[in-house]
Amino acid sequence: MSRSSRDAQAGDRGFAHSGAAYSSLADIGDDGGAVFEVPFEAFFGAEGEASSNASSEPSFKASRSRSRAPIAEPGEAAAPQADTYERSSTTRAARASAREKSSTEKQRPERSLKGRALGYLSRREYSRAELSRKLMPYTEDADALEALLDSLEREGWLSDARFAESVVHRRAARVGAGRIVSELKRHAVGDALIEEVSTQLRETELVRARAVWQKKYGQLPETPAERARQARFLAARGFSMSIIGKILKGFEEDCADY
């Protein structure tokens, strides 16, 4: 056998010997203890996955429970949201009822009789009789009411003369003395005052009646029917027949025969 063949055989035996030695040494640790070859998957296999799932699943379920309310199965009780809504609605209704009751209890105190009288007089002039009728429903003491009216007259709040003047100012441009006198009598302002107002109105009656007729017609009647129509209109406004005759005859004739 040649030298090269012997070297090759020796090399093969050495490799085999070293491989066997390596195999035997693979089972001996550095400290001389035995080392067991355990597959890598054994450490991170099914058990690792189970432990990983066990650790992560509760947090996932917890997040689901926090983010979404449980779904009620058929036959189970209503969801917590419905209960919350029902309680909120009941609470709101109770609070609204309490507020309404509180507002009712906090109503303004009833006005005094004098306060009511001054309230009326602050809007316009009243006669004594008219103001008395307005205040009667708020008192049962007639003597106290009369005393109040006397006090209002002394203090200048109440005046029949001012009331009559206000009536003339509001009505004289549209109606005659007859209508104004009737209104003053209805409010019982006194005969002397009524006579005084009537005298003043008679002095301007013709001018005022002519202005009313001019605004409504402006042309003398040409037929008896038209004359009667215009006469009725002026009479309804409270003008006297003498004044009506003067206007419809063009101020030429006296209406004594009218």
Protein backbone atom coordinates (compact mmCIF):
# COMPACT_ATOMS: atom_id res chain seq x y z
CA MET A 1 0.00 0.00 0.00
CA SER A 2 1.37 3.27 -0.94
CA ARG A 3 2.03 6.02 1.45
CA SER A 4 -0.72 8.21 0.08
CA SER A 5 -3.25 5.42 0.48
CA ARG A 6 -2.16 4.82 4.03
CA ASP A 7 -2.50 8.57 4.76
CA ALA A 8 -5.94 8.61 3.29
CA GLN A 9 -7.08 5.65 5.34
CA ALA A 10 -5.55 7.18 8.42
CA GLY A 11 -7.36 10.39 7.64
CA ASP A 12 -10.66 8.60 7.28
CA ARG A 13 -10.13 6.75 10.55
CA GLY A 14 -9.18 10.00 12.25
CA PHE A 15 -12.28 11.72 10.95
CA ALA A 16 -14.43 8.86 12.06
CA HIS A 17 -12.78 8.82 15.44
CA SER A 18 -13.09 12.56 15.81
CA GLY A 19 -16.76 12.41 14.73
CA ALA A 20 -17.48 9.75 17.33
CA ALA A 21 -15.62 11.78 19.89
CA TYR A 22 -17.61 14.88 18.92
CA SER A 23 -20.85 12.89 19.25
CA SER A 24 -19.88 11.73 22.67
CA LEU A 25 -18.73 15.17 23.73
CA ALA A 26 -22.01 16.70 22.56
CA ASP A 27 -23.65 14.98 25.50
CA ILE A 28 -21.17 16.33 28.07
CA GLY A 29 -21.46 19.89 29.22
CA ASP A 30 -18.65 22.19 30.08
CA ASP A 31 -19.07 21.42 33.75
CA GLY A 32 -19.03 17.67 33.13
CA GLY A 33 -22.78 17.20 33.44
CA ALA A 34 -25.02 15.57 30.96
CA VAL A 35 -26.71 17.71 28.38
CA PHE A 36 -30.04 16.50 27.01
CA GLU A 37 -30.94 17.57 23.58
CA VAL A 38 -34.53 19.02 23.74
CA PRO A 39 -36.23 20.21 20.57
CA PHE A 40 -36.53 23.97 20.25
CA GLU A 41 -40.28 23.75 19.76
CA ALA A 42 -40.62 22.11 23.19
CA PHE A 43 -39.92 25.47 24.85
CA PHE A 44 -42.17 27.56 22.57
CA GLY A 45 -44.71 25.02 21.42
CA ALA A 46 -48.29 24.38 22.42
CA GLU A 47 -47.67 25.19 26.08
CA GLY A 48 -46.07 28.52 25.19
CA GLU A 49 -48.92 29.37 22.90
CA ALA A 50 -51.44 28.40 25.58
CA SER A 51 -49.72 30.53 28.19
CA SER A 52 -49.46 33.41 25.72
CA ASN A 53 -53.15 33.14 24.86
CA ALA A 54 -54.03 32.83 28.54
CA SER A 55 -52.14 36.03 29.34
CA SER A 56 -53.45 38.06 26.41
CA GLU A 57 -57.07 36.88 26.24
CA PRO A 58 -58.25 38.42 29.53
CA SER A 59 -57.00 41.88 28.53
CA PHE A 60 -58.71 41.55 25.14
CA LYS A 61 -61.96 40.52 26.79
CA ALA A 62 -61.63 43.32 29.31
CA SER A 63 -61.17 45.86 26.55
CA ARG A 64 -64.22 44.45 24.79
CA SER A 65 -66.25 44.67 27.97
CA ARG A 66 -65.18 48.30 28.48
CA SER A 67 -65.80 49.38 24.91
CA ARG A 68 -69.08 47.62 24.33
CA ALA A 69 -71.98 46.67 26.56
CA PRO A 70 -72.95 43.00 26.66
CA ILE A 71 -75.62 41.94 24.23
CA ALA A 72 -78.70 40.59 25.93
CA GLU A 73 -79.88 37.20 24.79
CA PRO A 74 -83.57 36.63 24.05
CA GLY A 75 -85.53 36.38 27.29
CA GLU A 76 -82.92 38.21 29.32
CA ALA A 77 -83.42 41.53 31.10
CA ALA A 78 -83.13 44.86 29.30
CA ALA A 79 -79.71 46.34 28.68
CA PRO A 80 -78.22 48.70 31.27
CA GLN A 81 -78.51 51.60 28.82
CA ALA A 82 -82.29 51.31 28.79
CA ASP A 83 -82.37 51.39 32.58
CA THR A 84 -80.14 54.44 32.60
CA TYR A 85 -82.34 56.20 30.06
CA GLU A 86 -85.46 55.36 32.02
CA ARG A 87 -83.95 56.67 35.22
CA SER A 88 -82.80 59.84 33.46
CA SER A 89 -86.25 60.47 32.01
CA THR A 90 -87.87 59.97 35.40
CA THR A 91 -85.36 62.31 36.99
CA ARG A 92 -85.94 65.00 34.40
CA ALA A 93 -89.70 64.76 34.83
CA ALA A 94 -89.34 65.02 38.61
CA ARG A 95 -87.10 68.07 38.30
CA ALA A 96 -89.49 69.76 35.87
CA SER A 97 -92.36 69.15 38.26
CA ALA A 98 -90.34 70.57 41.14
CA ARG A 99 -89.45 73.69 39.15
CA GLU A 100 -93.09 74.24 38.20
CA LYS A 101 -94.18 73.89 41.80
CA SER A 102 -91.46 76.27 42.93
CA SER A 103 -92.46 78.90 40.35
CA THR A 104 -96.09 78.59 41.45
CA GLU A 105 -95.11 79.12 45.07
CA LYS A 106 -93.01 82.15 44.16
CA GLN A 107 -95.80 84.13 42.52
CA ARG A 108 -95.86 87.84 43.06
CA PRO A 109 -97.88 89.01 46.04
CA GLU A 110 -101.35 90.34 45.30
CA ARG A 111 -101.45 94.05 44.53
CA SER A 112 -103.13 96.37 47.00
CA LEU A 113 -106.33 98.16 46.12
CA LYS A 114 -104.53 101.48 45.80
CA GLY A 115 -101.88 99.87 43.63
CA ARG A 116 -104.56 98.65 41.24
CA ALA A 117 -106.20 102.07 41.16
CA LEU A 118 -102.91 103.81 40.35
CA GLY A 119 -102.25 101.22 37.67
CA TYR A 120 -105.51 102.07 35.95
CA LEU A 121 -104.99 105.83 36.28
CA SER A 122 -101.47 105.61 34.86
CA ARG A 123 -102.91 104.38 31.54
CA ARG A 124 -105.66 106.97 31.02
CA GLU A 125 -108.11 109.26 32.81
CA TYR A 126 -111.03 107.66 34.68
CA SER A 127 -114.13 109.14 36.18
CA ARG A 128 -114.79 108.39 39.83
CA ALA A 129 -117.78 106.18 39.00
CA GLU A 130 -115.88 104.24 36.34
CA LEU A 131 -112.87 103.62 38.59
CA SER A 132 -115.18 102.49 41.38
CA ARG A 133 -116.73 99.88 39.08
CA LYS A 134 -113.26 98.67 38.09
CA LEU A 135 -112.15 98.20 41.71
CA MET A 136 -115.31 96.65 43.14
CA PRO A 137 -114.37 93.03 42.27
CA TYR A 138 -111.19 93.35 44.38
CA THR A 139 -112.76 94.45 47.66
CA GLU A 140 -115.79 93.73 49.78
CA ASP A 141 -115.49 96.85 51.93
CA ALA A 142 -117.44 99.62 50.20
CA ASP A 143 -116.45 102.18 52.84
CA ALA A 144 -112.76 101.48 52.29
CA LEU A 145 -113.25 101.87 48.54
CA GLU A 146 -114.96 105.24 48.93
CA ALA A 147 -112.21 106.40 51.28
CA LEU A 148 -109.62 105.40 48.71
CA LEU A 149 -111.40 107.33 45.96
CA ASP A 150 -111.60 110.42 48.17
CA SER A 151 -107.88 110.12 48.86
CA LEU A 152 -107.07 109.80 45.15
CA GLU A 153 -109.12 112.94 44.40
CA ARG A 154 -107.35 114.92 47.15
CA GLU A 155 -103.96 113.82 45.84
CA GLY A 156 -104.86 114.80 42.28
CA TRP A 157 -104.79 111.30 40.81
CA LEU A 158 -108.52 111.22 40.10
CA SER A 159 -110.54 114.03 38.49
CA ASP A 160 -113.91 114.04 36.73
CA ALA A 161 -113.02 117.33 35.02
CA ARG A 162 -109.89 115.85 33.48
CA PHE A 163 -111.86 112.80 32.41
CA ALA A 164 -114.47 114.96 30.66
CA GLU A 165 -111.74 116.94 28.95
CA SER A 166 -110.09 113.76 27.70
CA VAL A 167 -113.40 112.50 26.31
CA VAL A 168 -113.96 115.74 24.41
CA HIS A 169 -110.41 115.64 23.08
CA ARG A 170 -110.79 112.06 21.81
CA ARG A 171 -114.33 112.26 20.43
CA ALA A 172 -115.18 115.80 19.37
CA ALA A 173 -113.60 115.52 15.91
CA ARG A 174 -115.77 112.54 15.00
CA VAL A 175 -119.08 112.86 16.87
CA GLY A 176 -121.52 115.53 17.91
CA ALA A 177 -122.33 117.02 21.28
CA GLY A 178 -125.20 114.59 21.80
CA ARG A 179 -122.91 111.53 21.77
CA ILE A 180 -120.35 113.13 24.04
CA VAL A 181 -122.95 114.29 26.55
CA SER A 182 -124.47 110.80 26.63
CA GLU A 183 -121.07 109.29 27.38
CA LEU A 184 -120.42 111.72 30.21
CA LYS A 185 -123.82 110.97 31.71
CA ARG A 186 -123.04 107.26 31.54
CA HIS A 187 -119.89 107.88 33.61
CA ALA A 188 -121.78 110.09 36.09
CA VAL A 189 -119.44 113.04 36.05
CA GLY A 190 -122.06 115.42 37.44
CA ASP A 191 -124.73 117.63 35.90
CA ALA A 192 -122.81 120.88 36.29
CA LEU A 193 -119.80 119.52 34.46
CA ILE A 194 -121.96 118.01 31.73
CA GLU A 195 -123.73 121.34 31.14
CA GLU A 196 -120.42 123.14 30.90
CA VAL A 197 -119.06 120.68 28.35
CA SER A 198 -122.27 120.77 26.33
CA THR A 199 -122.15 124.57 26.09
CA GLN A 200 -118.58 124.47 24.81
CA LEU A 201 -119.42 121.83 22.21
CA ARG A 202 -122.46 123.72 20.86
CA GLU A 203 -120.24 126.64 19.98
CA THR A 204 -118.20 124.54 17.56
CA GLU A 205 -120.87 122.04 16.56
CA LEU A 206 -121.51 123.37 13.05
CA VAL A 207 -117.85 123.47 12.09
CA ARG A 208 -117.21 119.97 13.37
CA ALA A 209 -120.33 118.53 11.72
CA ARG A 210 -119.38 120.09 8.39
CA ALA A 211 -115.89 118.51 8.58
CA VAL A 212 -117.41 115.07 9.26
CA TRP A 213 -119.90 115.43 6.40
CA GLN A 214 -117.24 116.69 3.99
CA LYS A 215 -115.02 113.70 4.70
CA LYS A 216 -117.87 111.22 4.17
CA TYR A 217 -119.83 112.79 1.28
CA GLY A 218 -118.59 116.22 0.24
CA GLN A 219 -121.52 116.82 -2.11
CA LEU A 220 -125.02 118.04 -1.37
CA PRO A 221 -127.81 115.51 -1.93
CA GLU A 222 -129.73 115.71 -5.19
CA THR A 223 -132.59 113.38 -4.30
CA PRO A 224 -134.76 112.95 -1.21
CA ALA A 225 -133.35 109.45 -0.71
CA GLU A 226 -129.79 110.74 -0.75
CA ARG A 227 -130.77 113.56 1.59
CA ALA A 228 -132.30 111.10 4.04
CA ARG A 229 -129.20 108.90 3.86
CA GLN A 230 -126.86 111.77 4.71
CA ALA A 231 -129.16 113.00 7.46
CA ARG A 232 -129.21 109.58 9.11
CA PHE A 233 -125.45 109.40 9.02
CA LEU A 234 -125.00 112.75 10.78
CA ALA A 235 -127.73 111.98 13.32
CA ALA A 236 -126.04 108.68 14.19
CA ARG A 237 -122.86 110.64 14.87
CA GLY A 238 -124.72 112.70 17.48
CA PHE A 239 -125.25 115.99 15.68
CA SER A 240 -128.47 117.88 16.25
CA MET A 241 -131.19 118.18 13.62
CA SER A 242 -130.70 121.93 13.33
CA ILE A 243 -127.06 121.47 12.46
CA ILE A 244 -127.88 118.68 9.99
CA GLY A 245 -130.46 120.88 8.23
CA LYS A 246 -127.98 123.73 7.85
CA ILE A 247 -125.36 121.45 6.32
CA LEU A 248 -127.71 119.70 3.87
CA LYS A 249 -129.30 123.00 2.72
CA GLY A 250 -125.93 124.54 2.09
CA PHE A 251 -126.27 126.95 5.02
CA GLU A 252 -128.85 128.92 3.10
CA GLU A 253 -132.02 127.94 4.90
CA ASP A 254 -132.94 127.44 8.47
CA CYS A 255 -133.84 123.90 9.39
CA ALA A 256 -136.85 124.81 11.52
CA ASP A 257 -139.16 122.99 9.15
CA TYR A 258 -136.82 120.02 8.66
